[in-house]
């Protein structure tokens, strides 16, 4: 019997957990332009309280998706694209794996079709 080694995930699960909330996804979307935004700016038109925004930003920060910048008394947040690139790379590898499987299946079915009398 062959033992299959379980590899550690290429993307830390905390990133998926952080992105698994609609409010946090919206915050990442608001910050994706690269500009640092204050909690007040992120709260505007969000329908959430400053406290809720701060809580969501804390989760995103622990996952490495945003970084806090302190400018005097103001706290601003900026997205870090590196963890999202890791997610994109991970998803791309799965896409390639499935494309390879479908290509092999297509080739097999084509051979079966050609082999019929």
C-alpha atoms as a PDB file:
ATOM      1  CA  UNK A   1       0.000   0.000   0.000  1.00  0.00           C
ATOM      2  CA  UNK A   2       1.349   3.395  -0.966  1.00  0.00           C
ATOM      3  CA  UNK A   3       1.258   6.146   1.595  1.00  0.00           C
ATOM      4  CA  UNK A   4       0.386   9.572   0.289  1.00  0.00           C
ATOM      5  CA  UNK A   5       2.111  12.432   2.019  1.00  0.00           C
ATOM      6  CA  UNK A   6      -0.157  15.266   3.025  1.00  0.00           C
ATOM      7  CA  UNK A   7       1.427  18.517   2.036  1.00  0.00           C
ATOM      8  CA  UNK A   8       0.878  21.661   3.992  1.00  0.00           C
ATOM      9  CA  UNK A   9      -1.345  24.046   2.060  1.00  0.00           C
ATOM     10  CA  UNK A  10       0.345  26.578  -0.193  1.00  0.00           C
ATOM     11  CA  UNK A  11      -2.044  29.198   1.129  1.00  0.00           C
ATOM     12  CA  UNK A  12      -2.512  29.501   4.883  1.00  0.00           C
ATOM     13  CA  UNK A  13      -6.116  28.668   5.814  1.00  0.00           C
ATOM     14  CA  UNK A  14      -6.362  31.933   7.763  1.00  0.00           C
ATOM     15  CA  UNK A  15      -6.450  33.768   4.426  1.00  0.00           C
ATOM     16  CA  UNK A  16      -9.463  31.793   3.218  1.00  0.00           C
ATOM     17  CA  UNK A  17     -11.148  32.283   6.601  1.00  0.00           C
ATOM     18  CA  UNK A  18     -10.557  36.035   6.417  1.00  0.00           C
ATOM     19  CA  UNK A  19     -11.914  36.211   2.870  1.00  0.00           C
ATOM     20  CA  UNK A  20     -14.917  34.075   3.800  1.00  0.00           C
ATOM     21  CA  UNK A  21     -16.916  37.044   5.018  1.00  0.00           C
ATOM     22  CA  UNK A  22     -18.748  39.407   2.662  1.00  0.00           C
ATOM     23  CA  UNK A  23     -17.914  42.515   4.686  1.00  0.00           C
ATOM     24  CA  UNK A  24     -14.217  41.674   4.658  1.00  0.00           C
ATOM     25  CA  UNK A  25     -14.329  40.987   0.933  1.00  0.00           C
ATOM     26  CA  UNK A  26     -15.811  44.447   0.444  1.00  0.00           C
ATOM     27  CA  UNK A  27     -13.031  45.981   2.531  1.00  0.00           C
ATOM     28  CA  UNK A  28     -10.366  44.193   0.481  1.00  0.00           C
ATOM     29  CA  UNK A  29     -12.113  45.416  -2.673  1.00  0.00           C
ATOM     30  CA  UNK A  30     -12.121  49.000  -1.376  1.00  0.00           C
ATOM     31  CA  UNK A  31      -8.400  48.763  -0.582  1.00  0.00           C
ATOM     32  CA  UNK A  32      -7.262  46.959  -3.719  1.00  0.00           C
ATOM     33  CA  UNK A  33      -6.330  50.182  -5.509  1.00  0.00           C
ATOM     34  CA  UNK A  34      -3.255  50.488  -3.306  1.00  0.00           C
ATOM     35  CA  UNK A  35      -4.327  53.679  -1.578  1.00  0.00           C
ATOM     36  CA  UNK A  36      -4.295  53.684   2.219  1.00  0.00           C
ATOM     37  CA  UNK A  37      -7.698  54.545   3.679  1.00  0.00           C
ATOM     38  CA  UNK A  38      -8.750  55.573   7.156  1.00  0.00           C
ATOM     39  CA  UNK A  39     -11.353  53.752   9.201  1.00  0.00           C
ATOM     40  CA  UNK A  40     -13.652  56.747   8.672  1.00  0.00           C
ATOM     41  CA  UNK A  41     -13.269  56.459   4.890  1.00  0.00           C
ATOM     42  CA  UNK A  42     -13.843  52.706   5.004  1.00  0.00           C
ATOM     43  CA  UNK A  43     -16.916  53.152   7.217  1.00  0.00           C
ATOM     44  CA  UNK A  44     -18.546  55.681   4.873  1.00  0.00           C
ATOM     45  CA  UNK A  45     -21.313  54.072   2.820  1.00  0.00           C
ATOM     46  CA  UNK A  46     -20.523  50.636   4.272  1.00  0.00           C
ATOM     47  CA  UNK A  47     -23.591  50.278   6.482  1.00  0.00           C
ATOM     48  CA  UNK A  48     -21.281  49.130   9.294  1.00  0.00           C
ATOM     49  CA  UNK A  49     -20.128  50.844  12.461  1.00  0.00           C
ATOM     50  CA  UNK A  50     -16.549  51.963  12.987  1.00  0.00           C
ATOM     51  CA  UNK A  51     -16.211  49.209  15.586  1.00  0.00           C
ATOM     52  CA  UNK A  52     -17.366  46.554  13.098  1.00  0.00           C
ATOM     53  CA  UNK A  53     -14.987  47.882  10.436  1.00  0.00           C
ATOM     54  CA  UNK A  54     -12.139  47.841  12.964  1.00  0.00           C
ATOM     55  CA  UNK A  55     -12.944  44.247  13.918  1.00  0.00           C
ATOM     56  CA  UNK A  56     -12.975  43.131  10.269  1.00  0.00           C
ATOM     57  CA  UNK A  57      -9.730  44.986   9.595  1.00  0.00           C
ATOM     58  CA  UNK A  58      -8.153  43.164  12.541  1.00  0.00           C
ATOM     59  CA  UNK A  59      -9.068  39.811  10.999  1.00  0.00           C
ATOM     60  CA  UNK A  60      -7.677  40.917   7.630  1.00  0.00           C
ATOM     61  CA  UNK A  61      -4.519  42.207   9.284  1.00  0.00           C
ATOM     62  CA  UNK A  62      -3.914  38.921  11.152  1.00  0.00           C
ATOM     63  CA  UNK A  63      -4.230  37.141   7.799  1.00  0.00           C
ATOM     64  CA  UNK A  64      -1.657  39.514   6.277  1.00  0.00           C
ATOM     65  CA  UNK A  65      -4.154  40.915   3.774  1.00  0.00           C
ATOM     66  CA  UNK A  66      -3.951  44.494   5.066  1.00  0.00           C
ATOM     67  CA  UNK A  67      -1.428  46.515   7.011  1.00  0.00           C
ATOM     68  CA  UNK A  68      -2.107  49.355   9.393  1.00  0.00           C
ATOM     69  CA  UNK A  69      -0.254  52.627   8.968  1.00  0.00           C
ATOM     70  CA  UNK A  70      -0.276  55.170  11.763  1.00  0.00           C
ATOM     71  CA  UNK A  71      -0.078  58.750  10.617  1.00  0.00           C
ATOM     72  CA  UNK A  72      -0.209  60.858  13.744  1.00  0.00           C
ATOM     73  CA  UNK A  73      -3.533  60.113  15.391  1.00  0.00           C
ATOM     74  CA  UNK A  74      -5.019  58.624  12.245  1.00  0.00           C
ATOM     75  CA  UNK A  75      -4.928  54.927  11.473  1.00  0.00           C
ATOM     76  CA  UNK A  76      -4.963  54.003   7.811  1.00  0.00           C
ATOM     77  CA  UNK A  77      -5.039  50.627   6.164  1.00  0.00           C
ATOM     78  CA  UNK A  78      -3.486  49.422   2.935  1.00  0.00           C
ATOM     79  CA  UNK A  79      -4.012  46.103   1.172  1.00  0.00           C
ATOM     80  CA  UNK A  80      -1.086  43.737   0.734  1.00  0.00           C
ATOM     81  CA  UNK A  81      -1.422  41.952  -2.627  1.00  0.00           C
ATOM     82  CA  UNK A  82       1.054  39.162  -1.793  1.00  0.00           C
ATOM     83  CA  UNK A  83      -1.415  36.854   0.015  1.00  0.00           C
ATOM     84  CA  UNK A  84      -3.970  37.340  -2.756  1.00  0.00           C
ATOM     85  CA  UNK A  85      -1.304  36.444  -5.308  1.00  0.00           C
ATOM     86  CA  UNK A  86      -0.666  33.258  -3.335  1.00  0.00           C
ATOM     87  CA  UNK A  87      -4.398  32.447  -3.568  1.00  0.00           C
ATOM     88  CA  UNK A  88      -4.356  33.169  -7.316  1.00  0.00           C
ATOM     89  CA  UNK A  89      -1.290  30.939  -7.796  1.00  0.00           C
ATOM     90  CA  UNK A  90      -2.946  28.160  -5.770  1.00  0.00           C
ATOM     91  CA  UNK A  91      -6.154  28.389  -7.812  1.00  0.00           C
ATOM     92  CA  UNK A  92      -4.150  28.453 -11.050  1.00  0.00           C
ATOM     93  CA  UNK A  93      -2.408  25.213 -10.102  1.00  0.00           C
ATOM     94  CA  UNK A  94      -5.785  23.546  -9.525  1.00  0.00           C
ATOM     95  CA  UNK A  95      -7.043  24.907 -12.852  1.00  0.00           C
ATOM     96  CA  UNK A  96      -4.020  23.424 -14.637  1.00  0.00           C
ATOM     97  CA  UNK A  97      -4.487  20.093 -12.851  1.00  0.00           C
ATOM     98  CA  UNK A  98      -8.126  19.903 -13.934  1.00  0.00           C
ATOM     99  CA  UNK A  99      -7.295  20.995 -17.484  1.00  0.00           C
ATOM    100  CA  UNK A 100      -4.761  18.146 -17.650  1.00  0.00           C
ATOM    101  CA  UNK A 101      -7.356  15.663 -16.378  1.00  0.00           C
ATOM    102  CA  UNK A 102      -9.943  16.832 -18.891  1.00  0.00           C
ATOM    103  CA  UNK A 103      -7.369  16.675 -21.701  1.00  0.00           C
ATOM    104  CA  UNK A 104      -6.531  13.076 -20.767  1.00  0.00           C
ATOM    105  CA  UNK A 105     -10.231  12.202 -20.588  1.00  0.00           C
ATOM    106  CA  UNK A 106     -10.843  13.816 -23.967  1.00  0.00           C
ATOM    107  CA  UNK A 107      -7.922  11.895 -25.467  1.00  0.00           C
ATOM    108  CA  UNK A 108      -9.207   8.613 -23.961  1.00  0.00           C
ATOM    109  CA  UNK A 109     -12.729   9.207 -25.277  1.00  0.00           C
ATOM    110  CA  UNK A 110     -11.373  10.091 -28.695  1.00  0.00           C
ATOM    111  CA  UNK A 111      -9.354   6.826 -28.743  1.00  0.00           C
ATOM    112  CA  UNK A 112     -12.441   4.865 -27.705  1.00  0.00           C
ATOM    113  CA  UNK A 113     -14.464   6.484 -30.469  1.00  0.00           C
ATOM    114  CA  UNK A 114     -11.789   5.687 -33.058  1.00  0.00           C
ATOM    115  CA  UNK A 115     -11.470   2.083 -31.835  1.00  0.00           C
ATOM    116  CA  UNK A 116     -15.158   1.290 -32.394  1.00  0.00           C
ATOM    117  CA  UNK A 117     -15.795  -0.882 -35.461  1.00  0.00           C
END
